[in-house]
Amino acid sequence: MLSVPERFGEWTDATYLSSDPVGPVKPGQTIHLTAPALGRSLPVDIEVHDVDSQRRWIDLVVRLPFGVENGEHLTLTETAEGGTLVRFN
């Protein structure tokens, strides 16, 4: 799911708009979303810095309105029950 930008809305509570460049998640890509806040839809951009699909992690910067930026390191770990645990930072 983290490799497909069009599915980011499934775990971000946002709506996918576009990716630049298009295609699977890769370093240098920017993913454009919109998210509900303050009674309206606000833009959210995710800039992908690094990806390691073998180790199941991604580094990115989330850019929110009003100049807010949040660096994230996401890791995916399989659970004993067959699910996936997603950790931020």
C-alpha atoms as a PDB file:
ATOM      1  CA  MET A   1       0.000   0.000   0.000  1.00  0.00           C
ATOM      2  CA  LEU A   2       2.868   2.441   0.681  1.00  0.00           C
ATOM      3  CA  SER A   3       4.226   1.911  -2.820  1.00  0.00           C
ATOM      4  CA  VAL A   4       0.995   3.058  -4.510  1.00  0.00           C
ATOM      5  CA  PRO A   5       0.390   6.829  -4.157  1.00  0.00           C
ATOM      6  CA  GLU A   6      -3.248   6.493  -5.205  1.00  0.00           C
ATOM      7  CA  ARG A   7      -3.875   4.460  -2.013  1.00  0.00           C
ATOM      8  CA  PHE A   8      -2.361   6.987   0.434  1.00  0.00           C
ATOM      9  CA  GLY A   9      -5.856   8.228   1.305  1.00  0.00           C
ATOM     10  CA  GLU A  10      -6.603   4.824   2.867  1.00  0.00           C
ATOM     11  CA  TRP A  11      -4.213   5.480   5.755  1.00  0.00           C
ATOM     12  CA  THR A  12      -3.989   9.286   5.851  1.00  0.00           C
ATOM     13  CA  ASP A  13      -7.633  10.413   6.135  1.00  0.00           C
ATOM     14  CA  ALA A  14      -7.050  12.446   2.982  1.00  0.00           C
ATOM     15  CA  THR A  15      -8.038  12.316  -0.687  1.00  0.00           C
ATOM     16  CA  TYR A  16      -5.438  11.556  -3.339  1.00  0.00           C
ATOM     17  CA  LEU A  17      -5.183  14.174  -6.110  1.00  0.00           C
ATOM     18  CA  SER A  18      -2.023  13.443  -8.129  1.00  0.00           C
ATOM     19  CA  SER A  19       1.653  12.452  -8.099  1.00  0.00           C
ATOM     20  CA  ASP A  20       4.620  14.136  -9.726  1.00  0.00           C
ATOM     21  CA  PRO A  21       6.059  12.116 -11.371  1.00  0.00           C
ATOM     22  CA  VAL A  22       3.326   9.490 -11.735  1.00  0.00           C
ATOM     23  CA  GLY A  23       3.945   5.854 -10.878  1.00  0.00           C
ATOM     24  CA  PRO A  24       5.000   3.875  -7.814  1.00  0.00           C
ATOM     25  CA  VAL A  25       6.444   5.741  -4.827  1.00  0.00           C
ATOM     26  CA  LYS A  26      10.070   6.740  -5.443  1.00  0.00           C
ATOM     27  CA  PRO A  27      12.603   9.274  -4.128  1.00  0.00           C
ATOM     28  CA  GLY A  28      11.997  12.767  -5.481  1.00  0.00           C
ATOM     29  CA  GLN A  29       8.276  12.197  -6.025  1.00  0.00           C
ATOM     30  CA  THR A  30       5.653  14.558  -4.608  1.00  0.00           C
ATOM     31  CA  ILE A  31       2.203  13.211  -3.772  1.00  0.00           C
ATOM     32  CA  HIS A  32      -0.617  15.765  -3.676  1.00  0.00           C
ATOM     33  CA  LEU A  33      -3.580  15.196  -1.346  1.00  0.00           C
ATOM     34  CA  THR A  34      -6.377  17.220   0.178  1.00  0.00           C
ATOM     35  CA  ALA A  35      -7.558  16.753   3.768  1.00  0.00           C
ATOM     36  CA  PRO A  36     -10.552  17.993   5.739  1.00  0.00           C
ATOM     37  CA  ALA A  37      -9.701  20.604   8.383  1.00  0.00           C
ATOM     38  CA  LEU A  38     -11.329  23.701   9.824  1.00  0.00           C
ATOM     39  CA  GLY A  39     -14.533  22.959   7.914  1.00  0.00           C
ATOM     40  CA  ARG A  40     -12.857  22.933   4.510  1.00  0.00           C
ATOM     41  CA  SER A  41     -10.409  20.963   2.360  1.00  0.00           C
ATOM     42  CA  LEU A  42      -6.749  21.905   2.737  1.00  0.00           C
ATOM     43  CA  PRO A  43      -3.797  20.865   0.551  1.00  0.00           C
ATOM     44  CA  VAL A  44      -1.267  18.327   1.823  1.00  0.00           C
ATOM     45  CA  ASP A  45       1.896  17.492  -0.125  1.00  0.00           C
ATOM     46  CA  ILE A  46       4.091  14.494   0.656  1.00  0.00           C
ATOM     47  CA  GLU A  47       7.661  14.614  -0.647  1.00  0.00           C
ATOM     48  CA  VAL A  48       9.301  11.191  -0.817  1.00  0.00           C
ATOM     49  CA  HIS A  49      12.964  11.281   0.234  1.00  0.00           C
ATOM     50  CA  ASP A  50      13.968   7.607   0.321  1.00  0.00           C
ATOM     51  CA  VAL A  51      12.397   4.152  -0.025  1.00  0.00           C
ATOM     52  CA  ASP A  52      13.648   0.663   0.824  1.00  0.00           C
ATOM     53  CA  SER A  53      11.054  -1.869  -0.308  1.00  0.00           C
ATOM     54  CA  GLN A  54      13.158  -4.837   0.868  1.00  0.00           C
ATOM     55  CA  ARG A  55      13.335  -3.531   4.450  1.00  0.00           C
ATOM     56  CA  ARG A  56       9.807  -2.078   4.172  1.00  0.00           C
ATOM     57  CA  TRP A  57      10.405   1.574   5.074  1.00  0.00           C
ATOM     58  CA  ILE A  58       9.949   5.021   3.528  1.00  0.00           C
ATOM     59  CA  ASP A  59      11.281   8.473   4.480  1.00  0.00           C
ATOM     60  CA  LEU A  60       9.119  11.447   3.601  1.00  0.00           C
ATOM     61  CA  VAL A  61       8.268  15.033   4.465  1.00  0.00           C
ATOM     62  CA  VAL A  62       4.618  16.025   4.876  1.00  0.00           C
ATOM     63  CA  ARG A  63       3.923  19.661   3.977  1.00  0.00           C
ATOM     64  CA  LEU A  64       0.775  21.140   5.484  1.00  0.00           C
ATOM     65  CA  PRO A  65      -0.760  24.622   5.208  1.00  0.00           C
ATOM     66  CA  PHE A  66       0.735  27.540   7.128  1.00  0.00           C
ATOM     67  CA  GLY A  67       4.305  26.316   6.511  1.00  0.00           C
ATOM     68  CA  VAL A  68       4.047  23.235   8.734  1.00  0.00           C
ATOM     69  CA  GLU A  69       6.472  20.456   7.737  1.00  0.00           C
ATOM     70  CA  ASN A  70       6.777  17.053   9.375  1.00  0.00           C
ATOM     71  CA  GLY A  71       9.551  14.563   8.588  1.00  0.00           C
ATOM     72  CA  GLU A  72       8.457  10.927   8.899  1.00  0.00           C
ATOM     73  CA  HIS A  73      10.181   7.539   8.780  1.00  0.00           C
ATOM     74  CA  LEU A  74       7.499   4.878   8.225  1.00  0.00           C
ATOM     75  CA  THR A  75       8.188   1.187   8.752  1.00  0.00           C
ATOM     76  CA  LEU A  76       5.938  -1.786   8.063  1.00  0.00           C
ATOM     77  CA  THR A  77       6.124  -4.935  10.175  1.00  0.00           C
ATOM     78  CA  GLU A  78       4.054  -8.093   9.729  1.00  0.00           C
ATOM     79  CA  THR A  79       2.103  -9.123  12.827  1.00  0.00           C
ATOM     80  CA  ALA A  80       1.563 -12.663  14.109  1.00  0.00           C
ATOM     81  CA  GLU A  81      -2.135 -12.302  13.239  1.00  0.00           C
ATOM     82  CA  GLY A  82      -1.330 -11.674   9.571  1.00  0.00           C
ATOM     83  CA  GLY A  83      -1.811  -7.904   9.642  1.00  0.00           C
ATOM     84  CA  THR A  84       0.634  -5.072   9.215  1.00  0.00           C
ATOM     85  CA  LEU A  85       1.891  -2.720  11.926  1.00  0.00           C
ATOM     86  CA  VAL A  86       2.728   0.765  10.603  1.00  0.00           C
ATOM     87  CA  ARG A  87       5.123   2.841  12.717  1.00  0.00           C
ATOM     88  CA  PHE A  88       5.761   6.561  12.204  1.00  0.00           C
ATOM     89  CA  ASN A  89       9.218   7.883  13.151  1.00  0.00           C
END
